[in-house]
């Protein structure tokens, strides 16, 4: 199967009225690249629905479709609509090898070839910016993932949120793979059920489409973090969010409120009713940093240093499918 045969090419947005993630294949039966001409030729590239249950990108497209009925595009826009089969099933991905946000650094499958084809065509078009729209499973403020600290990176990120996370992994994620071509971010737009995510995402897209050049300073000051470790939970561990259970790992019911708030050293992170710790902290190179961040005191897991968690969630499925959370530090605090 060739790259061309796994995605469609369109030159207009279809009618999206009433379309949901679960019915998206009524308008996009396969992944699609939509190329919309605008006044400035260097395109903005956006990706939506790379994870099937993260529907904010569809909300952005609906707002864009309505806006375009009475406005010309100020800049050419390329839209990649991703994992429509997973969207139809209401899940993040159908299998580990069909995570559309892990296709963009090369590979051997038709989906990898599709990503390489799109990336090569985009490079030839000299893109202005790239944005990948995502939702979170847990309660988080809006934030961007950025992959450089140049003025254009900071300016782009600041148009969406004052919260930004610098990360250089995983290399196969879309926004990181596009960074050599243009300023590029992932826009994390809160939970899928929150309509404000679609509004914020559309406003962000409009701001970028109307730009004619990058500023030397961000529009608003950024709170910049770096991801220091990923907190993983051992497989087949029983997880509970209620006190007094016999689960292997007991987490606070309100732990999502910790997202983007610093937790000081000495804070209790979790409880271990059965004594065994199923948590590990892994850095971006795969090194085990558990002993640097966590210690066991009786039946409690305690933080050994000040950290700011992000993407904490009470969704057991999301924890098993991805991780419990990421730990962040200010760049100047790393040692």
C-alpha atoms as a PDB file:
ATOM      1  CA  UNK A   1       0.000   0.000   0.000  1.00  0.00           C
ATOM      2  CA  UNK A   2       1.468   3.349  -1.034  1.00  0.00           C
ATOM      3  CA  UNK A   3       1.429   6.544   1.002  1.00  0.00           C
ATOM      4  CA  UNK A   4      -0.968   8.125  -1.495  1.00  0.00           C
ATOM      5  CA  UNK A   5      -3.544   5.376  -1.015  1.00  0.00           C
ATOM      6  CA  UNK A   6      -3.928   5.882   2.747  1.00  0.00           C
ATOM      7  CA  UNK A   7      -5.020   9.532   2.747  1.00  0.00           C
ATOM      8  CA  UNK A   8      -7.254  11.810   0.700  1.00  0.00           C
ATOM      9  CA  UNK A   9      -6.506  15.253  -0.703  1.00  0.00           C
ATOM     10  CA  UNK A  10      -9.088  18.030  -0.544  1.00  0.00           C
ATOM     11  CA  UNK A  11      -9.178  21.696  -1.503  1.00  0.00           C
ATOM     12  CA  UNK A  12     -12.159  22.736   0.641  1.00  0.00           C
ATOM     13  CA  UNK A  13     -13.586  21.995   4.053  1.00  0.00           C
ATOM     14  CA  UNK A  14     -16.679  19.776   3.896  1.00  0.00           C
ATOM     15  CA  UNK A  15     -19.915  20.615   5.680  1.00  0.00           C
ATOM     16  CA  UNK A  16     -19.159  19.846   9.329  1.00  0.00           C
ATOM     17  CA  UNK A  17     -22.562  20.722  10.754  1.00  0.00           C
ATOM     18  CA  UNK A  18     -23.535  18.048  13.277  1.00  0.00           C
ATOM     19  CA  UNK A  19     -20.358  16.030  12.772  1.00  0.00           C
ATOM     20  CA  UNK A  20     -18.814  14.546  15.925  1.00  0.00           C
ATOM     21  CA  UNK A  21     -15.705  12.551  16.528  1.00  0.00           C
ATOM     22  CA  UNK A  22     -17.732   9.356  16.381  1.00  0.00           C
ATOM     23  CA  UNK A  23     -19.288  10.333  13.019  1.00  0.00           C
ATOM     24  CA  UNK A  24     -16.252  12.006  11.461  1.00  0.00           C
ATOM     25  CA  UNK A  25     -15.858   9.302   8.806  1.00  0.00           C
ATOM     26  CA  UNK A  26     -19.080  10.533   7.200  1.00  0.00           C
ATOM     27  CA  UNK A  27     -17.012  13.477   5.913  1.00  0.00           C
ATOM     28  CA  UNK A  28     -13.468  12.150   6.266  1.00  0.00           C
ATOM     29  CA  UNK A  29     -13.562   8.407   5.510  1.00  0.00           C
ATOM     30  CA  UNK A  30      -9.754   8.323   5.636  1.00  0.00           C
ATOM     31  CA  UNK A  31      -7.024  10.650   6.866  1.00  0.00           C
ATOM     32  CA  UNK A  32      -7.028  13.796   4.760  1.00  0.00           C
ATOM     33  CA  UNK A  33      -4.797  16.688   3.758  1.00  0.00           C
ATOM     34  CA  UNK A  34      -6.862  19.797   3.014  1.00  0.00           C
ATOM     35  CA  UNK A  35      -5.088  22.645   1.214  1.00  0.00           C
ATOM     36  CA  UNK A  36      -6.882  25.997   1.432  1.00  0.00           C
ATOM     37  CA  UNK A  37      -5.494  28.959  -0.519  1.00  0.00           C
ATOM     38  CA  UNK A  38      -5.000  32.300   1.215  1.00  0.00           C
ATOM     39  CA  UNK A  39      -3.578  35.729   0.430  1.00  0.00           C
ATOM     40  CA  UNK A  40      -0.093  34.935   1.742  1.00  0.00           C
ATOM     41  CA  UNK A  41       1.286  31.775   0.135  1.00  0.00           C
ATOM     42  CA  UNK A  42       3.526  30.371   2.913  1.00  0.00           C
ATOM     43  CA  UNK A  43       1.119  28.030   4.706  1.00  0.00           C
ATOM     44  CA  UNK A  44       0.227  27.488   8.298  1.00  0.00           C
ATOM     45  CA  UNK A  45       0.040  23.735   8.836  1.00  0.00           C
ATOM     46  CA  UNK A  46      -2.312  22.344  11.476  1.00  0.00           C
ATOM     47  CA  UNK A  47      -2.986  18.769  12.558  1.00  0.00           C
ATOM     48  CA  UNK A  48      -6.256  17.684  14.172  1.00  0.00           C
ATOM     49  CA  UNK A  49      -7.554  14.387  15.528  1.00  0.00           C
ATOM     50  CA  UNK A  50      -4.156  12.690  15.626  1.00  0.00           C
ATOM     51  CA  UNK A  51      -5.582  11.042  18.726  1.00  0.00           C
ATOM     52  CA  UNK A  52      -9.105   9.867  18.058  1.00  0.00           C
ATOM     53  CA  UNK A  53     -10.679  10.891  21.363  1.00  0.00           C
ATOM     54  CA  UNK A  54      -9.167  14.407  21.309  1.00  0.00           C
ATOM     55  CA  UNK A  55     -11.809  16.321  19.390  1.00  0.00           C
ATOM     56  CA  UNK A  56     -10.757  19.950  19.917  1.00  0.00           C
ATOM     57  CA  UNK A  57      -9.336  20.103  16.404  1.00  0.00           C
ATOM     58  CA  UNK A  58     -12.741  19.246  14.953  1.00  0.00           C
ATOM     59  CA  UNK A  59     -14.228  22.081  17.022  1.00  0.00           C
ATOM     60  CA  UNK A  60     -11.603  24.451  15.576  1.00  0.00           C
ATOM     61  CA  UNK A  61     -12.458  23.349  12.021  1.00  0.00           C
ATOM     62  CA  UNK A  62     -16.171  23.952  12.601  1.00  0.00           C
ATOM     63  CA  UNK A  63     -15.456  27.512  13.721  1.00  0.00           C
ATOM     64  CA  UNK A  64     -13.090  27.982  10.801  1.00  0.00           C
ATOM     65  CA  UNK A  65     -15.710  26.751   8.324  1.00  0.00           C
ATOM     66  CA  UNK A  66     -18.271  29.248   9.654  1.00  0.00           C
ATOM     67  CA  UNK A  67     -15.727  32.096   9.621  1.00  0.00           C
ATOM     68  CA  UNK A  68     -14.663  31.384   6.040  1.00  0.00           C
ATOM     69  CA  UNK A  69     -18.227  31.828   4.799  1.00  0.00           C
ATOM     70  CA  UNK A  70     -17.738  35.597   5.077  1.00  0.00           C
ATOM     71  CA  UNK A  71     -13.950  36.050   5.249  1.00  0.00           C
ATOM     72  CA  UNK A  72     -11.070  35.230   2.888  1.00  0.00           C
ATOM     73  CA  UNK A  73      -8.139  33.397   4.423  1.00  0.00           C
ATOM     74  CA  UNK A  74      -5.314  35.847   5.121  1.00  0.00           C
ATOM     75  CA  UNK A  75      -2.770  33.060   4.669  1.00  0.00           C
ATOM     76  CA  UNK A  76      -2.758  29.641   2.998  1.00  0.00           C
ATOM     77  CA  UNK A  77      -3.741  26.873   5.416  1.00  0.00           C
ATOM     78  CA  UNK A  78      -2.975  23.161   5.242  1.00  0.00           C
ATOM     79  CA  UNK A  79      -5.054  20.912   7.507  1.00  0.00           C
ATOM     80  CA  UNK A  80      -4.160  17.314   8.299  1.00  0.00           C
ATOM     81  CA  UNK A  81      -7.084  15.272   9.661  1.00  0.00           C
ATOM     82  CA  UNK A  82      -5.563  12.241  11.325  1.00  0.00           C
ATOM     83  CA  UNK A  83      -6.825   9.147  13.064  1.00  0.00           C
ATOM     84  CA  UNK A  84     -10.435   9.053  11.930  1.00  0.00           C
ATOM     85  CA  UNK A  85     -10.797   5.311  12.585  1.00  0.00           C
ATOM     86  CA  UNK A  86      -9.836   5.775  16.228  1.00  0.00           C
ATOM     87  CA  UNK A  87     -12.172   8.786  16.408  1.00  0.00           C
ATOM     88  CA  UNK A  88     -15.049   6.653  15.145  1.00  0.00           C
ATOM     89  CA  UNK A  89     -14.300   4.178  17.941  1.00  0.00           C
ATOM     90  CA  UNK A  90     -13.943   6.961  20.523  1.00  0.00           C
ATOM     91  CA  UNK A  91     -10.411   5.943  21.516  1.00  0.00           C
ATOM     92  CA  UNK A  92      -6.951   7.502  21.409  1.00  0.00           C
ATOM     93  CA  UNK A  93      -5.607   4.912  18.962  1.00  0.00           C
ATOM     94  CA  UNK A  94      -6.552   1.476  17.717  1.00  0.00           C
ATOM     95  CA  UNK A  95      -3.109  -0.023  18.368  1.00  0.00           C
ATOM     96  CA  UNK A  96       0.343   1.043  19.498  1.00  0.00           C
ATOM     97  CA  UNK A  97       1.564   1.325  15.896  1.00  0.00           C
ATOM     98  CA  UNK A  98      -1.313   3.590  14.849  1.00  0.00           C
ATOM     99  CA  UNK A  99      -0.539   6.509  17.143  1.00  0.00           C
ATOM    100  CA  UNK A 100      -0.608   9.254  14.530  1.00  0.00           C
ATOM    101  CA  UNK A 101       1.492  11.545  16.719  1.00  0.00           C
ATOM    102  CA  UNK A 102       4.389   9.083  16.540  1.00  0.00           C
ATOM    103  CA  UNK A 103       4.679   8.888  12.739  1.00  0.00           C
ATOM    104  CA  UNK A 104       6.697  11.968  11.853  1.00  0.00           C
ATOM    105  CA  UNK A 105      10.327  10.880  12.189  1.00  0.00           C
ATOM    106  CA  UNK A 106      10.404   8.108   9.599  1.00  0.00           C
ATOM    107  CA  UNK A 107       9.431   4.448   9.566  1.00  0.00           C
ATOM    108  CA  UNK A 108       8.451   1.513   7.409  1.00  0.00           C
ATOM    109  CA  UNK A 109       4.636   1.471   7.363  1.00  0.00           C
ATOM    110  CA  UNK A 110       2.265   3.143   4.881  1.00  0.00           C
ATOM    111  CA  UNK A 111       1.300   5.582   7.641  1.00  0.00           C
ATOM    112  CA  UNK A 112       4.947   6.578   8.088  1.00  0.00           C
ATOM    113  CA  UNK A 113       5.191   7.045   4.314  1.00  0.00           C
ATOM    114  CA  UNK A 114       2.089   9.258   4.421  1.00  0.00           C
ATOM    115  CA  UNK A 115       3.685  11.454   7.089  1.00  0.00           C
ATOM    116  CA  UNK A 116       6.935  11.688   5.109  1.00  0.00           C
ATOM    117  CA  UNK A 117       5.044  12.650   1.949  1.00  0.00           C
ATOM    118  CA  UNK A 118       3.173  15.421   3.735  1.00  0.00           C
ATOM    119  CA  UNK A 119       6.311  16.677   5.465  1.00  0.00           C
ATOM    120  CA  UNK A 120       8.263  16.811   2.165  1.00  0.00           C
ATOM    121  CA  UNK A 121       5.482  18.714   0.399  1.00  0.00           C
ATOM    122  CA  UNK A 122       5.198  21.105   3.312  1.00  0.00           C
ATOM    123  CA  UNK A 123       8.940  21.756   3.275  1.00  0.00           C
ATOM    124  CA  UNK A 124       8.717  22.706  -0.402  1.00  0.00           C
ATOM    125  CA  UNK A 125       5.911  25.158   0.417  1.00  0.00           C
ATOM    126  CA  UNK A 126       8.096  26.992   2.997  1.00  0.00           C
ATOM    127  CA  UNK A 127       5.637  26.893   5.928  1.00  0.00           C
ATOM    128  CA  UNK A 128       5.134  29.853   8.231  1.00  0.00           C
ATOM    129  CA  UNK A 129       4.089  27.873  11.322  1.00  0.00           C
ATOM    130  CA  UNK A 130       2.789  24.488  12.444  1.00  0.00           C
ATOM    131  CA  UNK A 131       0.243  23.733  15.194  1.00  0.00           C
ATOM    132  CA  UNK A 132      -0.913  20.345  16.464  1.00  0.00           C
ATOM    133  CA  UNK A 133      -4.210  20.557  18.388  1.00  0.00           C
ATOM    134  CA  UNK A 134      -4.711  18.174  21.309  1.00  0.00           C
ATOM    135  CA  UNK A 135      -6.862  17.628  24.393  1.00  0.00           C
ATOM    136  CA  UNK A 136      -5.824  16.404  27.843  1.00  0.00           C
ATOM    137  CA  UNK A 137      -7.500  13.586  29.753  1.00  0.00           C
ATOM    138  CA  UNK A 138      -7.065  15.401  33.079  1.00  0.00           C
ATOM    139  CA  UNK A 139      -7.827  18.943  34.206  1.00  0.00           C
ATOM    140  CA  UNK A 140      -4.990  21.179  33.013  1.00  0.00           C
ATOM    141  CA  UNK A 141      -4.827  24.831  32.021  1.00  0.00           C
ATOM    142  CA  UNK A 142      -4.167  25.522  28.353  1.00  0.00           C
ATOM    143  CA  UNK A 143      -0.485  25.270  27.456  1.00  0.00           C
ATOM    144  CA  UNK A 144       1.879  24.673  24.560  1.00  0.00           C
ATOM    145  CA  UNK A 145       4.690  22.238  23.965  1.00  0.00           C
ATOM    146  CA  UNK A 146       7.571  24.165  22.390  1.00  0.00           C
ATOM    147  CA  UNK A 147      10.768  22.819  20.868  1.00  0.00           C
ATOM    148  CA  UNK A 148      13.049  25.847  20.763  1.00  0.00           C
ATOM    149  CA  UNK A 149      13.675  29.095  22.622  1.00  0.00           C
ATOM    150  CA  UNK A 150      14.144  31.459  19.699  1.00  0.00           C
ATOM    151  CA  UNK A 151      12.026  34.627  19.531  1.00  0.00           C
ATOM    152  CA  UNK A 152       9.701  33.078  16.934  1.00  0.00           C
ATOM    153  CA  UNK A 153       9.121  30.015  19.161  1.00  0.00           C
ATOM    154  CA  UNK A 154       8.318  32.202  22.149  1.00  0.00           C
ATOM    155  CA  UNK A 155       6.094  34.508  20.107  1.00  0.00           C
ATOM    156  CA  UNK A 156       4.085  31.598  18.668  1.00  0.00           C
ATOM    157  CA  UNK A 157       3.616  29.947  22.056  1.00  0.00           C
ATOM    158  CA  UNK A 158       2.573  33.196  23.719  1.00  0.00           C
ATOM    159  CA  UNK A 159      -0.314  33.647  21.273  1.00  0.00           C
ATOM    160  CA  UNK A 160      -2.057  30.662  22.879  1.00  0.00           C
ATOM    161  CA  UNK A 161      -1.173  30.592  26.583  1.00  0.00           C
ATOM    162  CA  UNK A 162       1.326  31.942  29.108  1.00  0.00           C
ATOM    163  CA  UNK A 163       2.140  28.314  30.015  1.00  0.00           C
ATOM    164  CA  UNK A 164       4.779  26.601  27.871  1.00  0.00           C
ATOM    165  CA  UNK A 165       6.740  23.376  28.230  1.00  0.00           C
ATOM    166  CA  UNK A 166      10.064  22.916  26.449  1.00  0.00           C
ATOM    167  CA  UNK A 167      10.521  19.337  25.231  1.00  0.00           C
ATOM    168  CA  UNK A 168      12.740  17.610  22.686  1.00  0.00           C
ATOM    169  CA  UNK A 169      11.072  14.198  22.846  1.00  0.00           C
ATOM    170  CA  UNK A 170       9.604  12.086  21.449  1.00  0.00           C
ATOM    171  CA  UNK A 171      11.182  12.943  18.077  1.00  0.00           C
ATOM    172  CA  UNK A 172       8.303  11.354  16.130  1.00  0.00           C
ATOM    173  CA  UNK A 173       5.689  13.805  17.414  1.00  0.00           C
ATOM    174  CA  UNK A 174       4.403  16.128  14.712  1.00  0.00           C
ATOM    175  CA  UNK A 175       5.273  19.507  16.180  1.00  0.00           C
ATOM    176  CA  UNK A 176       8.837  18.476  17.039  1.00  0.00           C
ATOM    177  CA  UNK A 177       9.395  16.912  13.606  1.00  0.00           C
ATOM    178  CA  UNK A 178       8.153  20.118  11.947  1.00  0.00           C
ATOM    179  CA  UNK A 179      10.395  22.419  13.997  1.00  0.00           C
ATOM    180  CA  UNK A 180      13.294  22.329  11.477  1.00  0.00           C
ATOM    181  CA  UNK A 181      10.858  23.719   8.894  1.00  0.00           C
ATOM    182  CA  UNK A 182       9.164  26.500  10.888  1.00  0.00           C
ATOM    183  CA  UNK A 183       8.120  27.583  14.385  1.00  0.00           C
ATOM    184  CA  UNK A 184       5.969  24.726  15.646  1.00  0.00           C
ATOM    185  CA  UNK A 185       3.982  23.930  18.795  1.00  0.00           C
ATOM    186  CA  UNK A 186       1.499  21.491  20.204  1.00  0.00           C
ATOM    187  CA  UNK A 187      -1.519  23.343  21.625  1.00  0.00           C
ATOM    188  CA  UNK A 188      -2.985  21.485  24.603  1.00  0.00           C
ATOM    189  CA  UNK A 189      -6.562  22.745  24.799  1.00  0.00           C
ATOM    190  CA  UNK A 190      -7.911  21.241  28.022  1.00  0.00           C
ATOM    191  CA  UNK A 191     -10.418  18.407  28.131  1.00  0.00           C
ATOM    192  CA  UNK A 192     -12.483  17.449  25.095  1.00  0.00           C
ATOM    193  CA  UNK A 193     -15.763  18.180  26.860  1.00  0.00           C
ATOM    194  CA  UNK A 194     -14.730  21.799  27.529  1.00  0.00           C
ATOM    195  CA  UNK A 195     -16.056  24.077  24.760  1.00  0.00           C
ATOM    196  CA  UNK A 196     -13.560  26.779  25.755  1.00  0.00           C
ATOM    197  CA  UNK A 197     -10.794  24.651  24.261  1.00  0.00           C
ATOM    198  CA  UNK A 198     -12.258  24.964  20.780  1.00  0.00           C
ATOM    199  CA  UNK A 199     -12.736  28.705  21.197  1.00  0.00           C
ATOM    200  CA  UNK A 200      -9.149  29.170  22.398  1.00  0.00           C
ATOM    201  CA  UNK A 201      -7.803  26.971  19.618  1.00  0.00           C
ATOM    202  CA  UNK A 202      -9.693  28.908  16.945  1.00  0.00           C
ATOM    203  CA  UNK A 203      -8.549  32.253  18.359  1.00  0.00           C
ATOM    204  CA  UNK A 204      -4.970  30.957  18.322  1.00  0.00           C
ATOM    205  CA  UNK A 205      -5.268  29.850  14.708  1.00  0.00           C
ATOM    206  CA  UNK A 206      -6.731  33.209  13.687  1.00  0.00           C
ATOM    207  CA  UNK A 207      -3.905  35.092  15.397  1.00  0.00           C
ATOM    208  CA  UNK A 208      -1.286  33.053  13.544  1.00  0.00           C
ATOM    209  CA  UNK A 209      -3.039  33.270  10.171  1.00  0.00           C
ATOM    210  CA  UNK A 210      -3.139  37.063  10.437  1.00  0.00           C
ATOM    211  CA  UNK A 211       0.556  37.460  11.276  1.00  0.00           C
ATOM    212  CA  UNK A 212       2.875  38.701   8.554  1.00  0.00           C
ATOM    213  CA  UNK A 213       6.107  38.336  10.561  1.00  0.00           C
ATOM    214  CA  UNK A 214       7.405  37.116  13.903  1.00  0.00           C
ATOM    215  CA  UNK A 215       8.039  39.534  16.746  1.00  0.00           C
ATOM    216  CA  UNK A 216      11.290  39.654  18.657  1.00  0.00           C
ATOM    217  CA  UNK A 217       9.358  39.331  21.922  1.00  0.00           C
ATOM    218  CA  UNK A 218       6.363  37.265  22.987  1.00  0.00           C
ATOM    219  CA  UNK A 219       2.969  38.960  23.208  1.00  0.00           C
ATOM    220  CA  UNK A 220       2.736  37.980  26.881  1.00  0.00           C
ATOM    221  CA  UNK A 221       5.325  36.676  29.307  1.00  0.00           C
ATOM    222  CA  UNK A 222       5.754  32.917  29.258  1.00  0.00           C
ATOM    223  CA  UNK A 223       5.978  30.637  32.270  1.00  0.00           C
ATOM    224  CA  UNK A 224       8.439  28.174  30.813  1.00  0.00           C
ATOM    225  CA  UNK A 225       8.974  24.675  32.189  1.00  0.00           C
ATOM    226  CA  UNK A 226      11.016  21.650  31.169  1.00  0.00           C
ATOM    227  CA  UNK A 227       9.827  18.074  31.541  1.00  0.00           C
ATOM    228  CA  UNK A 228      12.293  16.291  33.812  1.00  0.00           C
ATOM    229  CA  UNK A 229      10.597  12.920  34.171  1.00  0.00           C
ATOM    230  CA  UNK A 230       7.640  10.805  33.161  1.00  0.00           C
ATOM    231  CA  UNK A 231       5.851   8.973  35.998  1.00  0.00           C
ATOM    232  CA  UNK A 232       4.912   5.480  34.874  1.00  0.00           C
ATOM    233  CA  UNK A 233       2.787   2.895  36.673  1.00  0.00           C
ATOM    234  CA  UNK A 234       3.697  -0.785  36.457  1.00  0.00           C
ATOM    235  CA  UNK A 235       1.226  -2.846  34.382  1.00  0.00           C
ATOM    236  CA  UNK A 236      -1.562  -4.821  36.068  1.00  0.00           C
ATOM    237  CA  UNK A 237      -1.428  -2.610  39.165  1.00  0.00           C
ATOM    238  CA  UNK A 238      -4.747  -1.948  40.876  1.00  0.00           C
ATOM    239  CA  UNK A 239      -5.262   1.808  41.136  1.00  0.00           C
ATOM    240  CA  UNK A 240      -7.685   3.534  43.495  1.00  0.00           C
ATOM    241  CA  UNK A 241      -8.662   7.154  44.089  1.00  0.00           C
ATOM    242  CA  UNK A 242     -10.375   6.466  47.416  1.00  0.00           C
ATOM    243  CA  UNK A 243      -8.796   6.416  50.848  1.00  0.00           C
ATOM    244  CA  UNK A 244      -8.715   3.204  52.829  1.00  0.00           C
ATOM    245  CA  UNK A 245      -8.755   0.741  49.946  1.00  0.00           C
ATOM    246  CA  UNK A 246      -6.560  -2.307  49.427  1.00  0.00           C
ATOM    247  CA  UNK A 247      -5.438  -1.268  45.960  1.00  0.00           C
ATOM    248  CA  UNK A 248      -1.761  -1.470  45.060  1.00  0.00           C
ATOM    249  CA  UNK A 249      -1.647   2.293  44.431  1.00  0.00           C
ATOM    250  CA  UNK A 250      -3.875   4.808  46.202  1.00  0.00           C
ATOM    251  CA  UNK A 251      -3.947   8.305  44.688  1.00  0.00           C
ATOM    252  CA  UNK A 252      -5.767  11.409  45.961  1.00  0.00           C
ATOM    253  CA  UNK A 253      -9.206  11.903  44.441  1.00  0.00           C
ATOM    254  CA  UNK A 254      -8.358  15.573  43.764  1.00  0.00           C
ATOM    255  CA  UNK A 255      -4.901  15.003  42.270  1.00  0.00           C
ATOM    256  CA  UNK A 256      -5.848  16.734  38.998  1.00  0.00           C
ATOM    257  CA  UNK A 257      -5.850  20.004  40.957  1.00  0.00           C
ATOM    258  CA  UNK A 258      -2.072  19.589  41.326  1.00  0.00           C
ATOM    259  CA  UNK A 259      -1.507  20.189  37.608  1.00  0.00           C
ATOM    260  CA  UNK A 260       0.719  23.241  36.999  1.00  0.00           C
ATOM    261  CA  UNK A 261       1.072  23.889  40.748  1.00  0.00           C
ATOM    262  CA  UNK A 262       4.429  23.293  42.394  1.00  0.00           C
ATOM    263  CA  UNK A 263       4.533  20.430  44.885  1.00  0.00           C
ATOM    264  CA  UNK A 264       7.308  20.978  47.431  1.00  0.00           C
ATOM    265  CA  UNK A 265       9.823  18.386  48.554  1.00  0.00           C
ATOM    266  CA  UNK A 266       8.366  16.355  51.422  1.00  0.00           C
ATOM    267  CA  UNK A 267       4.847  16.286  49.921  1.00  0.00           C
ATOM    268  CA  UNK A 268       3.008  12.968  49.888  1.00  0.00           C
ATOM    269  CA  UNK A 269       2.449  11.857  46.307  1.00  0.00           C
ATOM    270  CA  UNK A 270       0.670   8.531  46.781  1.00  0.00           C
ATOM    271  CA  UNK A 271      -0.050   5.761  49.279  1.00  0.00           C
ATOM    272  CA  UNK A 272       0.949   2.095  49.014  1.00  0.00           C
ATOM    273  CA  UNK A 273      -1.563  -0.050  50.930  1.00  0.00           C
ATOM    274  CA  UNK A 274       0.328  -3.237  50.015  1.00  0.00           C
ATOM    275  CA  UNK A 275       3.824  -1.864  50.527  1.00  0.00           C
ATOM    276  CA  UNK A 276       5.186  -2.333  46.991  1.00  0.00           C
ATOM    277  CA  UNK A 277       5.907   0.798  44.950  1.00  0.00           C
ATOM    278  CA  UNK A 278       4.702   0.451  41.350  1.00  0.00           C
ATOM    279  CA  UNK A 279       5.840   3.943  40.313  1.00  0.00           C
ATOM    280  CA  UNK A 280       8.930   4.830  38.314  1.00  0.00           C
ATOM    281  CA  UNK A 281      10.239   8.126  36.962  1.00  0.00           C
ATOM    282  CA  UNK A 282      11.891   7.912  33.540  1.00  0.00           C
ATOM    283  CA  UNK A 283      13.647  10.777  31.776  1.00  0.00           C
ATOM    284  CA  UNK A 284      13.583  11.578  28.050  1.00  0.00           C
ATOM    285  CA  UNK A 285      16.582   9.311  27.368  1.00  0.00           C
ATOM    286  CA  UNK A 286      15.051   6.329  29.170  1.00  0.00           C
ATOM    287  CA  UNK A 287      17.110   6.656  32.354  1.00  0.00           C
ATOM    288  CA  UNK A 288      15.427   5.631  35.605  1.00  0.00           C
ATOM    289  CA  UNK A 289      15.367   8.681  37.907  1.00  0.00           C
ATOM    290  CA  UNK A 290      12.964   7.281  40.490  1.00  0.00           C
ATOM    291  CA  UNK A 291      15.441   7.600  43.363  1.00  0.00           C
ATOM    292  CA  UNK A 292      16.067  11.230  42.436  1.00  0.00           C
ATOM    293  CA  UNK A 293      12.408  12.175  42.770  1.00  0.00           C
ATOM    294  CA  UNK A 294      10.632   9.681  45.030  1.00  0.00           C
ATOM    295  CA  UNK A 295      11.257   8.054  48.372  1.00  0.00           C
ATOM    296  CA  UNK A 296       9.194   5.620  50.460  1.00  0.00           C
ATOM    297  CA  UNK A 297       8.285   6.527  54.040  1.00  0.00           C
ATOM    298  CA  UNK A 298       6.168   3.769  55.571  1.00  0.00           C
ATOM    299  CA  UNK A 299       3.219   3.313  53.228  1.00  0.00           C
ATOM    300  CA  UNK A 300       3.656   6.710  51.532  1.00  0.00           C
ATOM    301  CA  UNK A 301       5.418   7.853  48.377  1.00  0.00           C
ATOM    302  CA  UNK A 302       7.057  11.211  49.156  1.00  0.00           C
ATOM    303  CA  UNK A 303       8.613  13.744  46.791  1.00  0.00           C
ATOM    304  CA  UNK A 304      12.334  14.332  47.294  1.00  0.00           C
ATOM    305  CA  UNK A 305      12.487  17.652  45.396  1.00  0.00           C
ATOM    306  CA  UNK A 306      10.232  20.496  44.341  1.00  0.00           C
ATOM    307  CA  UNK A 307       8.373  19.607  41.116  1.00  0.00           C
ATOM    308  CA  UNK A 308       5.380  20.807  39.111  1.00  0.00           C
ATOM    309  CA  UNK A 309       3.214  17.969  37.749  1.00  0.00           C
ATOM    310  CA  UNK A 310       1.273  18.150  34.504  1.00  0.00           C
ATOM    311  CA  UNK A 311      -1.230  15.829  32.837  1.00  0.00           C
ATOM    312  CA  UNK A 312      -2.246  14.152  36.077  1.00  0.00           C
ATOM    313  CA  UNK A 313      -5.505  12.339  35.449  1.00  0.00           C
ATOM    314  CA  UNK A 314      -8.022  10.193  37.299  1.00  0.00           C
ATOM    315  CA  UNK A 315      -8.675   8.179  34.133  1.00  0.00           C
ATOM    316  CA  UNK A 316      -7.270   4.719  34.806  1.00  0.00           C
ATOM    317  CA  UNK A 317      -7.480   3.920  31.100  1.00  0.00           C
ATOM    318  CA  UNK A 318      -5.378   6.981  30.244  1.00  0.00           C
ATOM    319  CA  UNK A 319      -2.829   6.102  32.931  1.00  0.00           C
ATOM    320  CA  UNK A 320      -2.457   2.585  31.553  1.00  0.00           C
ATOM    321  CA  UNK A 321      -2.386   3.778  27.945  1.00  0.00           C
ATOM    322  CA  UNK A 322       0.122   6.586  28.523  1.00  0.00           C
ATOM    323  CA  UNK A 323       1.378   7.471  32.012  1.00  0.00           C
ATOM    324  CA  UNK A 324       0.296   8.943  35.342  1.00  0.00           C
ATOM    325  CA  UNK A 325       1.843  12.360  34.683  1.00  0.00           C
ATOM    326  CA  UNK A 326       4.975  14.304  33.811  1.00  0.00           C
ATOM    327  CA  UNK A 327       7.136  16.145  36.322  1.00  0.00           C
ATOM    328  CA  UNK A 328       8.378  19.596  35.370  1.00  0.00           C
ATOM    329  CA  UNK A 329      10.929  22.015  36.718  1.00  0.00           C
ATOM    330  CA  UNK A 330      11.865  25.555  35.793  1.00  0.00           C
ATOM    331  CA  UNK A 331      14.945  25.458  33.530  1.00  0.00           C
ATOM    332  CA  UNK A 332      17.017  27.366  36.078  1.00  0.00           C
ATOM    333  CA  UNK A 333      16.049  24.859  38.809  1.00  0.00           C
ATOM    334  CA  UNK A 334      17.466  21.800  37.054  1.00  0.00           C
ATOM    335  CA  UNK A 335      20.697  20.415  38.449  1.00  0.00           C
END
